[in-house]
Amino acid sequence: MKILTKEEEAAHYNATVKGGLTGGLLGLAVGGAAVYGAHLRFATFRHLTLPMKTFLVTSSGTFLSIIAADRASRKFEFDRDPQRQYRDRATFDLEAVKENESAFQRFKDWGRENRYPIVTASWVASMGIALGLVGRNPYLTKAQKLVQARVYAQGLTLAILIATAAFEVGDASKGKGRWETVKIIDPDDPEHKHLIEKRIHHEAYEGEDLWRDMVAAEERKMAARKDGGQGQEGSSNKQPKHKDAKDRKDAEKNKQKNQELHSQRRKDAKESATHDDVQVKGRGKVKVSSCWVKAVEWRLGD
C-alpha cells in the first residue's frame, strides 16, 4: 500500500505496534506455560540453566510478536486499499454455487480443499495416540516405544495418502481442479429456476483473475461501440430512394450544361479565328489575330 499522508503513516504504525504487542504478550504467556509444565514434568528440563529457560520463553514471545505485527500491517493495508477488496466474477459464481449446497457437500469440499493439511495433522495426532497406547507397555524401552508409535503413525498416514490420491483421481476424471464446470442459476431468468452450466476458474491467489475481468469489460465496451456505429450507419442508409434518384438527375443535367457550354465556347473561338483572316496586298492571305489586324490597318492608313 502507498502511504500518502502523515496521518495514514501514524495509523499504520499504531496498528502494527498494537498487533505486535498483542502477539508478544500471547507468546510470552504460551512460552511461560510450556516452560513451567516442562520444568515440572521432565527432570532433564529442570537441569537447564535459567538463561536457557528465559531464552525459550522470550523466543516464543518474539516469534508470535513478529507474526502478529505482520498480520496487523497486512490487515491495515487490506482495509485501506480498495483494489484488494475487489471480488471477481469467479468469486461470485462460487458463492452462488455454495449457497445451494448441503452441509455434507460443504464438508466434503472442505476436506478436498484441505487434504494435505489434514494428512499432516493426522500424522501428528496418530503419533500422539500411538505413543499414549505404546507407553503403557512396561516391557518396552523408550526407543522401542518410539519406533512402535512411528510405525502406527506411518500406517495411518499411508492410508490417508491413498485416500487423498483417490480424491485426486476422482477430481481429474470429473474435471475438477483449477477449472471446474458447475451449475448456477441463470441470471437472465426472472424466476431464478433455470440452471445453466458455467466453467469457472479457482484462483491460486487473490486477484489472479483480475485481468480476465478487465479484458471481458473491454470487449463489452468495444462491442457496444461497434453496435452503436452500425446503428448510426444503418440510420444514415435509411434515406429515401427518391432523393438518390433526384441527385443523379441533377448531376446529369449539370454535366449536360457543361458540355453545351464547352461546345459553345469552341464554336465562338472558331468564328473569331475566321473573322481575323485578312488579305494583305502583294503578300497573300495571312491568318493573324485581332490585335495584329488593328496594327496592319493603322500602318496602311499611314
Protein backbone atom coordinates (compact mmCIF):
# COMPACT_ATOMS: atom_id res chain seq x y z
CA MET A 1 0.00 0.00 0.00
CA LYS A 2 1.17 3.51 -0.75
CA ILE A 3 1.17 5.82 2.30
CA LEU A 4 0.09 9.29 1.20
CA THR A 5 -0.22 11.38 4.35
CA LYS A 6 1.33 11.64 7.82
CA GLU A 7 -1.98 10.57 9.36
CA GLU A 8 -2.00 7.32 7.36
CA GLU A 9 1.61 6.65 8.30
CA ALA A 10 0.83 7.17 12.00
CA ALA A 11 -2.28 4.96 11.79
CA HIS A 12 -0.28 2.20 10.07
CA TYR A 13 2.44 2.42 12.71
CA ASN A 14 -0.06 2.26 15.59
CA ALA A 15 -1.87 -0.74 14.08
CA THR A 16 1.41 -2.61 13.58
CA VAL A 17 2.67 -1.88 17.11
CA LYS A 18 -0.65 -2.88 18.64
CA GLY A 19 -0.64 -6.18 16.77
CA GLY A 20 2.98 -6.86 17.73
CA LEU A 21 2.36 -6.17 21.42
CA THR A 22 -0.71 -8.40 21.45
CA GLY A 23 1.18 -11.25 19.80
CA GLY A 24 4.19 -10.76 22.06
CA LEU A 25 2.11 -10.96 25.24
CA LEU A 26 0.32 -14.04 23.96
CA GLY A 27 3.65 -15.66 23.03
CA LEU A 28 5.14 -14.93 26.44
CA ALA A 29 2.10 -16.48 28.11
CA VAL A 30 2.25 -19.61 25.97
CA GLY A 31 6.04 -19.92 26.28
CA GLY A 32 5.97 -19.41 30.04
CA ALA A 33 3.24 -22.02 30.49
CA ALA A 34 5.12 -24.50 28.30
CA VAL A 35 8.41 -23.97 30.15
CA TYR A 36 6.70 -24.28 33.52
CA GLY A 37 4.96 -27.50 32.50
CA ALA A 38 8.17 -28.98 31.11
CA HIS A 39 10.00 -27.99 34.32
CA LEU A 40 7.50 -29.94 36.40
CA ARG A 41 7.29 -32.95 34.08
CA PHE A 42 10.82 -33.62 32.84
CA ALA A 43 13.89 -33.93 35.03
CA THR A 44 16.19 -33.19 32.10
CA PHE A 45 14.48 -29.85 31.57
CA ARG A 46 14.92 -28.97 35.25
CA HIS A 47 18.69 -29.20 34.80
CA LEU A 48 18.69 -26.44 32.18
CA THR A 49 20.16 -23.11 33.22
CA LEU A 50 17.96 -20.11 33.96
CA PRO A 51 19.22 -18.11 30.92
CA MET A 52 18.26 -21.04 28.67
CA LYS A 53 14.76 -21.24 30.11
CA THR A 54 14.41 -17.47 29.79
CA PHE A 55 15.51 -17.68 26.16
CA LEU A 56 12.82 -20.28 25.43
CA VAL A 57 10.12 -18.04 26.92
CA THR A 58 11.27 -14.84 25.21
CA SER A 59 11.86 -16.53 21.85
CA SER A 60 8.27 -17.75 21.75
CA GLY A 61 7.10 -14.23 22.59
CA THR A 62 9.31 -12.72 19.87
CA PHE A 63 8.15 -15.26 17.31
CA LEU A 64 4.44 -14.59 17.88
CA SER A 65 5.06 -10.84 18.10
CA ILE A 66 6.61 -10.76 14.61
CA ILE A 67 3.79 -12.81 13.11
CA ALA A 68 1.07 -10.72 14.78
CA ALA A 69 2.70 -7.43 13.74
CA ASP A 70 2.96 -8.56 10.13
CA ARG A 71 -0.67 -9.68 10.06
CA ALA A 72 -1.83 -6.40 11.61
CA SER A 73 0.10 -4.48 8.95
CA ARG A 74 -1.40 -6.58 6.16
CA LYS A 75 -4.88 -6.13 7.59
CA PHE A 76 -4.42 -2.36 7.69
CA GLU A 77 -3.36 -2.40 4.04
CA PHE A 78 -6.31 -4.58 3.07
CA ASP A 79 -8.83 -2.34 4.84
CA ARG A 80 -7.46 0.84 3.26
CA ASP A 81 -6.78 -0.41 -0.27
CA PRO A 82 -9.99 -0.74 -2.36
CA GLN A 83 -8.24 -2.78 -5.04
CA ARG A 84 -7.53 -5.57 -2.55
CA GLN A 85 -11.25 -5.78 -1.80
CA TYR A 86 -12.02 -6.46 -5.46
CA ARG A 87 -14.07 -9.58 -5.98
CA ASP A 88 -14.01 -11.02 -9.45
CA ARG A 89 -16.77 -12.79 -11.31
CA ALA A 90 -15.49 -16.26 -10.44
CA THR A 91 -15.82 -15.46 -6.72
CA PHE A 92 -19.48 -14.53 -7.11
CA ASP A 93 -20.13 -17.69 -9.13
CA LEU A 94 -18.51 -19.87 -6.45
CA GLU A 95 -20.55 -18.20 -3.73
CA ALA A 96 -23.73 -18.80 -5.71
CA VAL A 97 -22.82 -22.48 -6.06
CA LYS A 98 -22.02 -22.89 -2.35
CA GLU A 99 -25.32 -21.33 -1.30
CA ASN A 100 -27.18 -24.20 -2.98
CA GLU A 101 -25.01 -26.97 -1.46
CA SER A 102 -25.90 -29.07 1.55
CA ALA A 103 -23.87 -29.15 4.77
CA PHE A 104 -22.46 -32.58 3.94
CA GLN A 105 -21.38 -31.41 0.49
CA ARG A 106 -19.66 -28.37 2.04
CA PHE A 107 -17.86 -30.67 4.47
CA LYS A 108 -16.63 -32.85 1.62
CA ASP A 109 -15.48 -29.82 -0.33
CA TRP A 110 -13.63 -28.52 2.72
CA GLY A 111 -11.88 -31.86 3.14
CA ARG A 112 -10.99 -31.96 -0.55
CA GLU A 113 -9.52 -28.45 -0.47
CA ASN A 114 -7.56 -29.01 2.76
CA ARG A 115 -6.47 -32.59 2.13
CA TYR A 116 -2.75 -32.03 2.68
CA PRO A 117 -3.08 -30.14 5.99
CA ILE A 118 -5.36 -32.97 7.11
CA VAL A 119 -2.65 -35.50 6.24
CA THR A 120 -0.08 -33.60 8.31
CA ALA A 121 -2.43 -33.16 11.26
CA SER A 122 -3.42 -36.83 11.15
CA TRP A 123 0.23 -37.89 11.28
CA VAL A 124 0.85 -35.73 14.37
CA ALA A 125 -2.34 -36.97 16.03
CA SER A 126 -1.56 -40.60 15.25
CA MET A 127 1.93 -40.21 16.70
CA GLY A 128 0.48 -38.84 19.93
CA ILE A 129 -2.18 -41.55 20.18
CA ALA A 130 0.33 -44.31 19.38
CA LEU A 131 2.78 -43.01 21.98
CA GLY A 132 -0.02 -42.97 24.54
CA LEU A 133 -1.01 -46.55 23.77
CA VAL A 134 2.51 -47.97 23.50
CA GLY A 135 3.69 -46.05 26.56
CA ARG A 136 1.54 -48.27 28.78
CA ASN A 137 3.67 -51.31 27.97
CA PRO A 138 6.25 -51.63 30.77
CA TYR A 139 8.36 -54.19 28.90
CA LEU A 140 9.47 -51.83 26.11
CA THR A 141 12.24 -49.29 26.28
CA LYS A 142 11.74 -45.65 25.24
CA ALA A 143 13.43 -46.26 21.89
CA GLN A 144 11.20 -49.28 21.19
CA LYS A 145 8.10 -47.31 22.15
CA LEU A 146 9.09 -44.51 19.79
CA VAL A 147 9.67 -46.98 16.94
CA GLN A 148 6.31 -48.67 17.54
CA ALA A 149 4.50 -45.34 17.65
CA ARG A 150 6.16 -44.26 14.43
CA VAL A 151 5.12 -47.49 12.69
CA TYR A 152 1.48 -46.99 13.70
CA ALA A 153 1.58 -43.35 12.62
CA GLN A 154 3.12 -44.22 9.27
CA GLY A 155 0.46 -46.85 8.63
CA LEU A 156 -2.34 -44.38 9.32
CA THR A 157 -0.65 -41.68 7.25
CA LEU A 158 -0.21 -44.09 4.33
CA ALA A 159 -3.93 -44.92 4.44
CA ILE A 160 -4.81 -41.21 4.38
CA LEU A 161 -2.41 -40.60 1.48
CA ILE A 162 -4.09 -43.39 -0.50
CA ALA A 163 -7.47 -41.78 0.16
CA THR A 164 -6.05 -38.41 -0.94
CA ALA A 165 -4.76 -39.95 -4.17
CA ALA A 166 -8.21 -41.41 -4.79
CA PHE A 167 -9.69 -37.93 -4.39
CA GLU A 168 -7.15 -36.56 -6.85
CA VAL A 169 -8.01 -39.20 -9.45
CA GLY A 170 -11.72 -38.58 -8.93
CA ASP A 171 -11.29 -34.83 -9.38
CA ALA A 172 -9.29 -35.35 -12.56
CA SER A 173 -11.97 -37.64 -14.03
CA LYS A 174 -14.77 -35.20 -13.11
CA GLY A 175 -12.92 -32.19 -14.46
CA LYS A 176 -12.40 -30.54 -11.09
CA GLY A 177 -9.29 -28.65 -10.09
CA ARG A 178 -8.16 -25.24 -11.29
CA TRP A 179 -11.03 -25.23 -13.80
CA GLU A 180 -14.41 -26.64 -12.89
CA THR A 181 -17.78 -26.85 -14.64
CA VAL A 182 -20.63 -26.08 -12.24
CA LYS A 183 -24.34 -25.39 -12.47
CA ILE A 184 -25.57 -21.97 -11.40
CA ILE A 185 -28.87 -20.12 -11.59
CA ASP A 186 -29.38 -18.31 -14.88
CA PRO A 187 -29.06 -14.57 -14.11
CA ASP A 188 -31.35 -13.77 -17.06
CA ASP A 189 -34.16 -15.94 -15.68
CA PRO A 190 -36.67 -13.72 -13.81
CA GLU A 191 -38.00 -16.70 -11.82
CA HIS A 192 -34.49 -17.94 -10.85
CA LYS A 193 -35.39 -21.55 -11.56
CA HIS A 194 -33.37 -22.35 -14.66
CA LEU A 195 -29.86 -23.73 -14.13
CA ILE A 196 -27.04 -23.29 -16.61
CA GLU A 197 -23.56 -24.81 -16.78
CA LYS A 198 -20.60 -22.46 -16.43
CA ARG A 199 -16.87 -23.14 -16.41
CA ILE A 200 -15.21 -21.26 -13.57
CA HIS A 201 -11.59 -20.87 -12.54
CA HIS A 202 -10.30 -21.44 -8.99
CA GLU A 203 -7.81 -18.73 -8.09
CA ALA A 204 -4.45 -19.82 -6.75
CA TYR A 205 -4.12 -16.40 -5.08
CA GLU A 206 -6.38 -13.41 -4.55
CA GLY A 207 -6.78 -11.25 -7.65
CA GLU A 208 -5.41 -13.83 -10.10
CA ASP A 209 -8.42 -13.42 -12.42
CA LEU A 210 -8.43 -9.62 -12.32
CA TRP A 211 -7.00 -9.40 -15.85
CA ARG A 212 -9.73 -11.73 -17.16
CA ASP A 213 -12.46 -9.40 -15.88
CA MET A 214 -10.65 -6.36 -17.31
CA VAL A 215 -10.41 -7.99 -20.75
CA ALA A 216 -14.07 -9.03 -20.64
CA ALA A 217 -15.15 -5.49 -19.69
CA GLU A 218 -13.08 -4.00 -22.52
CA GLU A 219 -14.58 -6.48 -25.00
CA ARG A 220 -18.08 -5.49 -23.89
CA LYS A 221 -17.22 -1.80 -24.40
CA MET A 222 -15.84 -2.50 -27.89
CA ALA A 223 -18.95 -4.49 -28.80
CA ALA A 224 -21.19 -1.67 -27.55
CA ARG A 225 -19.27 0.92 -29.59
CA LYS A 226 -19.44 -1.33 -32.65
CA ASP A 227 -23.19 -1.80 -32.28
CA GLY A 228 -23.64 1.96 -31.87
CA GLY A 229 -21.63 2.66 -35.03
CA GLN A 230 -23.63 0.13 -37.01
CA GLY A 231 -26.85 1.71 -35.76
CA GLN A 232 -25.79 5.16 -36.91
CA GLU A 233 -24.66 3.80 -40.27
CA GLY A 234 -27.95 1.96 -40.67
CA SER A 235 -29.94 5.10 -39.90
CA SER A 236 -27.93 7.08 -42.45
CA ASN A 237 -28.51 4.37 -45.05
CA LYS A 238 -32.26 4.57 -44.50
CA GLN A 239 -32.63 7.77 -46.57
CA PRO A 240 -35.41 7.85 -49.23
CA LYS A 241 -34.59 6.31 -52.56
CA HIS A 242 -36.16 9.20 -54.49
CA LYS A 243 -33.55 11.52 -53.01
CA ASP A 244 -30.74 9.48 -54.57
CA ALA A 245 -32.57 9.46 -57.93
CA LYS A 246 -33.02 13.23 -57.80
CA ASP A 247 -29.33 13.73 -57.05
CA ARG A 248 -28.35 11.59 -60.03
CA LYS A 249 -30.74 13.51 -62.30
CA ASP A 250 -29.32 16.86 -61.18
CA ALA A 251 -25.80 15.61 -61.78
CA GLU A 252 -26.70 14.55 -65.32
CA LYS A 253 -28.25 17.96 -66.02
CA ASN A 254 -25.16 19.77 -64.77
CA LYS A 255 -22.96 17.56 -66.91
CA GLN A 256 -25.08 18.26 -69.99
CA LYS A 257 -24.95 22.03 -69.34
CA ASN A 258 -21.18 21.89 -69.00
CA GLN A 259 -20.89 20.04 -72.29
CA GLU A 260 -23.12 22.58 -74.08
CA LEU A 261 -21.15 25.50 -72.65
CA HIS A 262 -17.88 23.92 -73.74
CA SER A 263 -19.23 23.37 -77.27
CA GLN A 264 -20.42 26.98 -77.48
CA ARG A 265 -17.01 28.27 -76.43
CA ARG A 266 -15.28 26.17 -79.08
CA LYS A 267 -17.73 27.47 -81.73
CA ASP A 268 -17.11 31.10 -80.73
CA ALA A 269 -13.38 30.55 -80.88
CA LYS A 270 -13.64 29.19 -84.44
CA GLU A 271 -15.77 32.13 -85.60
CA SER A 272 -13.33 34.62 -84.10
CA ALA A 273 -10.42 32.94 -85.84
CA THR A 274 -12.27 33.05 -89.21
CA HIS A 275 -13.06 36.76 -88.80
CA ASP A 276 -9.40 37.57 -88.14
CA ASP A 277 -8.28 36.26 -91.52
CA VAL A 278 -7.27 39.32 -93.64
CA GLN A 279 -5.96 39.90 -97.14
CA VAL A 280 -2.63 41.71 -97.31
CA LYS A 281 -1.75 43.26 -100.70
CA GLY A 282 1.08 41.55 -102.56
CA ARG A 283 1.76 39.11 -99.70
CA GLY A 284 -1.06 36.65 -99.97
CA LYS A 285 -3.56 35.57 -97.31
CA VAL A 286 -2.24 35.58 -93.74
CA LYS A 287 -4.03 34.32 -90.56
CA VAL A 288 -3.49 36.81 -87.76
CA SER A 289 -5.10 37.68 -84.51
CA SER A 290 -7.34 40.75 -83.96
CA CYS A 291 -4.52 42.78 -82.39
CA TRP A 292 -2.29 42.21 -85.41
CA VAL A 293 -5.18 43.20 -87.72
CA LYS A 294 -5.50 46.56 -85.97
CA ALA A 295 -1.77 47.11 -86.23
CA VAL A 296 -1.81 46.41 -90.00
CA GLU A 297 -4.78 48.75 -90.57
CA TRP A 298 -3.00 51.52 -88.70
CA ARG A 299 0.12 51.08 -90.87
CA LEU A 300 -1.93 51.07 -94.09
CA GLY A 301 -3.70 54.22 -93.03
CA ASP A 302 -0.36 55.96 -92.72
